Protein backbone atom coordinates (compact mmCIF):
# COMPACT_ATOMS: atom_id res chain seq x y z
CA MET A 1 0.00 0.00 0.00
CA ALA A 2 2.84 2.38 0.81
CA CYS A 3 4.22 1.81 -2.69
CA VAL A 4 0.90 2.81 -4.26
CA VAL A 5 0.66 5.95 -2.10
CA LEU A 6 4.26 6.85 -2.95
CA THR A 7 3.52 6.35 -6.66
CA ALA A 8 0.51 8.68 -6.41
CA LEU A 9 2.58 11.31 -4.59
CA VAL A 10 5.44 11.12 -7.10
CA GLU A 11 3.00 11.47 -10.00
CA TRP A 12 1.28 14.38 -8.28
CA PHE A 13 4.71 16.01 -7.83
CA LEU A 14 5.32 15.43 -11.56
CA GLY A 15 2.14 17.40 -12.31
CA ARG A 16 -0.28 14.56 -12.93
CA THR A 17 -3.89 15.26 -11.94
CA TRP A 18 -6.06 12.95 -9.88
CA PHE A 19 -8.90 12.61 -12.41
CA GLY A 20 -7.47 13.89 -15.67
CA PRO A 21 -7.65 17.32 -17.27
CA ASP A 22 -11.44 17.55 -16.95
CA GLY A 23 -11.25 16.88 -13.20
CA ARG A 24 -14.08 14.33 -13.35
CA PHE A 25 -14.12 10.88 -11.82
CA GLY A 26 -15.00 8.08 -14.24
CA ILE A 27 -15.10 4.31 -14.19
CA TRP A 28 -14.69 3.37 -17.87
CA GLU A 29 -13.50 4.93 -21.11
CA GLY A 30 -13.84 2.52 -24.03
CA SER A 31 -12.23 4.56 -26.79
CA ILE A 32 -8.45 4.71 -27.06
CA TRP A 33 -8.91 7.81 -29.24
CA SER A 34 -10.74 9.76 -26.53
CA ASP A 35 -9.11 12.50 -24.47
CA HIS A 36 -10.44 10.56 -21.49
CA CYS A 37 -8.49 7.38 -22.24
CA SER A 38 -5.95 6.74 -19.46
CA GLN A 39 -7.86 9.15 -17.23
CA ARG A 40 -10.57 6.88 -15.80
CA ILE A 41 -10.34 3.79 -13.59
CA ALA A 42 -10.35 1.44 -16.58
CA ASP A 43 -9.91 1.56 -20.35
CA PRO A 44 -8.85 -0.90 -23.05
CA TYR A 45 -5.24 -0.61 -21.85
CA SER A 46 -6.29 -2.11 -18.51
CA PHE A 47 -5.96 -5.49 -20.23
CA SER A 48 -2.28 -4.72 -20.92
CA HIS A 49 -1.75 -4.16 -17.21
CA ILE A 50 -3.45 -7.47 -16.38
CA ALA A 51 -1.00 -8.99 -18.88
CA HIS A 52 1.89 -7.24 -17.05
CA GLY A 53 0.87 -9.14 -13.92
CA MET A 54 0.89 -12.45 -15.79
CA VAL A 55 4.30 -11.71 -17.28
CA PHE A 56 5.69 -10.55 -13.93
CA TYR A 57 4.39 -13.69 -12.22
CA ALA A 58 6.07 -15.91 -14.82
CA GLY A 59 9.30 -13.91 -14.88
CA LEU A 60 9.60 -13.74 -11.11
CA TRP A 61 8.79 -17.44 -10.83
CA LEU A 62 11.61 -18.19 -13.26
CA ALA A 63 14.09 -15.76 -11.69
CA GLY A 64 13.19 -16.18 -8.04
CA ARG A 65 11.08 -19.26 -7.48
CA ARG A 66 12.69 -19.73 -4.07
CA LEU A 67 11.31 -16.39 -2.95
CA PRO A 68 7.96 -16.55 -1.18
CA VAL A 69 5.02 -15.49 -3.36
CA PRO A 70 4.34 -12.37 -1.23
CA VAL A 71 7.91 -11.19 -1.87
CA ARG A 72 7.52 -11.83 -5.60
CA PHE A 73 4.22 -9.92 -5.50
CA LEU A 74 5.90 -6.97 -3.79
CA LEU A 75 8.59 -6.99 -6.48
CA ALA A 76 5.88 -7.03 -9.16
CA VAL A 77 4.11 -4.08 -7.51
CA LEU A 78 7.42 -2.20 -7.36
CA LEU A 79 8.06 -2.93 -11.05
CA GLU A 80 4.58 -1.77 -12.05
CA ALA A 81 4.75 1.32 -9.85
CA GLY A 82 8.15 2.15 -11.35
CA TRP A 83 6.70 1.74 -14.84
CA GLU A 84 3.75 4.00 -13.98
CA VAL A 85 6.08 6.77 -12.82
CA LEU A 86 8.32 6.33 -15.89
CA GLU A 87 5.33 6.10 -18.26
CA ASN A 88 4.10 9.45 -16.96
CA SER A 89 7.44 11.20 -17.21
CA PRO A 90 7.88 13.80 -19.96
CA ILE A 91 10.38 11.65 -21.89
CA ILE A 92 8.04 8.63 -22.18
CA ILE A 93 4.97 10.77 -22.84
CA GLU A 94 6.85 12.36 -25.74
CA ARG A 95 8.05 8.94 -26.94
CA TYR A 96 4.44 7.71 -27.01
CA ARG A 97 3.43 10.77 -29.05
CA GLN A 98 6.24 10.32 -31.56
CA ALA A 99 6.45 6.55 -31.95
CA THR A 100 2.99 5.15 -31.25
CA ILE A 101 -0.63 5.87 -32.11
CA ALA A 102 -1.01 7.88 -28.87
CA LEU A 103 -0.70 11.11 -30.83
CA GLY A 104 -2.25 13.43 -28.25
CA TYR A 105 -1.28 11.43 -25.18
CA GLU A 106 -0.96 13.63 -22.10
CA GLY A 107 -0.13 10.91 -19.58
CA ASP A 108 -2.31 8.99 -17.15
CA SER A 109 -4.36 10.44 -14.33
CA ILE A 110 -3.22 9.36 -10.88
CA LEU A 111 -6.51 7.43 -10.58
CA ASN A 112 -5.67 5.49 -13.75
CA SER A 113 -2.11 4.78 -12.62
CA ILE A 114 -3.31 3.42 -9.29
CA SER A 115 -5.88 1.33 -11.14
CA ASP A 116 -3.15 0.05 -13.49
CA ILE A 117 -1.23 -1.21 -10.45
CA GLY A 118 -4.44 -2.91 -9.32
CA MET A 119 -4.92 -4.47 -12.77
CA MET A 120 -1.35 -5.79 -12.69
CA SER A 121 -2.08 -7.22 -9.24
CA LEU A 122 -5.16 -8.97 -10.65
CA GLY A 123 -3.06 -10.50 -13.45
CA PHE A 124 -0.42 -11.63 -10.94
CA PHE A 125 -3.10 -13.14 -8.68
CA LEU A 126 -4.77 -14.97 -11.57
CA ALA A 127 -1.45 -16.31 -12.86
CA GLY A 128 -0.74 -17.64 -9.38
CA ARG A 129 -4.10 -19.44 -9.23
CA TRP A 130 -4.31 -20.83 -12.75
CA ARG A 131 -2.29 -23.54 -14.40
CA PRO A 132 0.47 -22.05 -16.58
CA TRP A 133 -1.22 -23.15 -19.82
CA VAL A 134 -4.45 -21.41 -18.77
CA THR A 135 -2.54 -18.20 -18.00
CA ALA A 136 -0.75 -18.42 -21.35
CA ALA A 137 -4.03 -19.04 -23.19
CA VAL A 138 -5.75 -16.10 -21.46
CA PHE A 139 -2.74 -13.87 -22.17
CA VAL A 140 -2.80 -14.78 -25.88
CA ALA A 141 -6.60 -14.39 -26.02
CA MET A 142 -6.38 -10.91 -24.45
CA GLU A 143 -3.64 -9.88 -26.89
CA ILE A 144 -5.63 -11.11 -29.90
CA ALA A 145 -8.90 -9.61 -28.66
CA CYS A 146 -7.30 -6.21 -27.96
CA ALA A 147 -5.56 -6.22 -31.35
CA ALA A 148 -8.91 -6.90 -33.03
CA TRP A 149 -10.84 -4.45 -30.84
CA VAL A 150 -8.55 -1.38 -30.58
CA ARG A 151 -5.61 -2.40 -32.79
CA ASP A 152 -3.27 -2.23 -29.82
CA ASN A 153 -2.10 -4.52 -27.03
CA LEU A 154 0.89 -5.08 -24.77
CA THR A 155 3.00 -6.72 -27.47
CA LEU A 156 2.38 -3.96 -30.02
CA ASN A 157 2.90 -1.29 -27.38
CA VAL A 158 6.32 -2.69 -26.45
CA ILE A 159 7.36 -3.05 -30.10
CA MET A 160 6.29 0.49 -30.93
CA LEU A 161 8.04 2.00 -27.90
CA ILE A 162 11.32 0.14 -28.47
CA HIS A 163 11.54 -0.07 -32.25
CA PRO A 164 8.61 1.56 -34.06
CA ILE A 165 7.49 -0.08 -37.30
CA GLU A 166 5.67 2.25 -39.68
CA ALA A 167 3.54 -0.57 -41.11
CA ILE A 168 2.18 -1.35 -37.64
CA LYS A 169 1.51 2.32 -36.95
CA ALA A 170 -0.29 2.70 -40.29
CA TRP A 171 -2.46 -0.35 -39.55
CA GLN A 172 -3.27 0.96 -36.09
CA LEU A 173 -4.13 4.45 -37.36
CA ALA A 174 -6.40 2.96 -40.04
CA GLY A 175 -8.72 2.00 -37.16
CA ARG A 176 -9.03 5.58 -35.96
CA PRO A 177 -12.57 6.93 -36.20
CA VAL A 178 -13.09 9.75 -38.65
CA PRO A 179 -14.00 12.98 -36.79
């Protein structure tokens, strides 16, 4: 809990707002093209954070299977919290704008960042309860469903942040609604 509070305070210090630029609380924003995406409790990218938890569970099991699960969970929370702070730093916000389809991305609200940590925790919890093949199948199903639904997912997001591919960006932008 202290890690989540510290994450919120660091983001607030970095100029993030609690509920986004409009100052309104919201539960769901279904459009990745909306100004409200990454401002509410959940959005299509919440599935990517659930996937983070699954990946962290697997990676920490491989790297530290002798560590008790609560310690591995704490490490996963620290990783996700670190990512949330980095993701909302000016350098990563600008990278998203330049390299990905997040053309007008302004960063997450603090509410969304805290929720993202919760979504990762859900993914970690599920991965710990399910058989590995079930976790892998759900991970792949989420990735395929998100690619079909919003033309983005964790895999594409990582590719586009690390080594953008114009063909992927063009395909993703082709799904953008016409104003």
